[in-house]
């Protein structure tokens, strides 16, 4: 099938709740592409589909899947994207469980760099999770699926038009769980959840329901990664907790995170091939990774101490999570590969409005699918994308 007299569809890469992704060839430019097609009957997702195209098209960064074209063919909307030769980070994690700390930090650094580029353009992703990060065969991480992205300053960015919080429960920032607008720091928190999962094999918070998970994002302190896996260097473990700070002002920026987590590989000594070469001087200790330094000055504070504002945040959390006067429905994915079910109603109330305590709802889940562009997207079958291939070399280090 030829789409719009230009894109030759060749094979499906994935199918989701609202559409499908195809491998295709751009017959005009002669290059392989990925084409995402919205199902004709999914008229309610047209606005989101257009937003995804417009948002991603603003970004030009190696850490973001590029958008080439957008249009309509016989009543069906389509989005033409860069074809990523690889698999999703969710598939990588499913195959390997945990990643070597150096490798996990290097992947997170690339994602942070992509987020930094998006934030500079005023774009907030709002759904950073393993299923929305692609890994190429050369170990390059690329962010995909800007379907629920918003622009900085969008006061309505936390909720949909129907008053529902959108996102994935395992990776949802506390401020978003409280119904507040997303901000760049919200993406950083989600990335912290992803890095935590890559290092430990589990999300920062566990719960029988997505409601329980969301509540912990607001109120609970995650177990330090190094306590779960002693092989994780303490500085890296501490930095992950820095990314997971409850107060957005206490988190580093995406740019700071990329700088701190990058450059993890040990410097390799030069290989001498000349038998008469002068012997090198005794090797010095390898340079410390950037995240081994002190925490970023912005919003940093000693461990074990709580900022005065954090009590107010927890107070607001109690109101927002348990208030009954102005309940707002929530629609949350429980994580791309997490067993936690979805939430259908998390009461949210404007902070400062007194309300009696009430039990969190336990209604049956109502899934809101967010189709990934080229990974498993949380709800896709990826034909031919079994995740097999090079996984790169994990670094070795001392604490």
Foldseek 3Di string as FASTA:
>chain_A
DAFPVFWAFDAWFKAFDFWTKTWTAGRVVGHIKIKTKGDLVVPVLPVLVVVQLVLQCVFDDLQAWHWDDWDDGPNITMTIIHDAAFAFQVLVCVVPLADFLLLLLAQLLLNLVRLVRSVVVQKDQQEDARQQWTQHLVGHIHGFFSSLIDGPPPFQSLADPQQAGEYALLQAALCSLQVGHDHQLRVLSSSLQRSLCNHQSDGQDDDQASLVSNLCLQPNQGDQSCVRPVSNDPLVSVLSSQSSDNDSQSHDGSNVSSQQSPDSAWDDDDDDPDPPDDDDDPDDDTDDGSSNDDDDPGNDDDPPDDDPCSVLSSQQSQCFQFADPAWGFYWHHNGLPDPHATGGTGGHDDGPDDGDGDDGDDDHHDHDQRATNRHCSSGMDGVPRSRDHDPDDRHDDDD
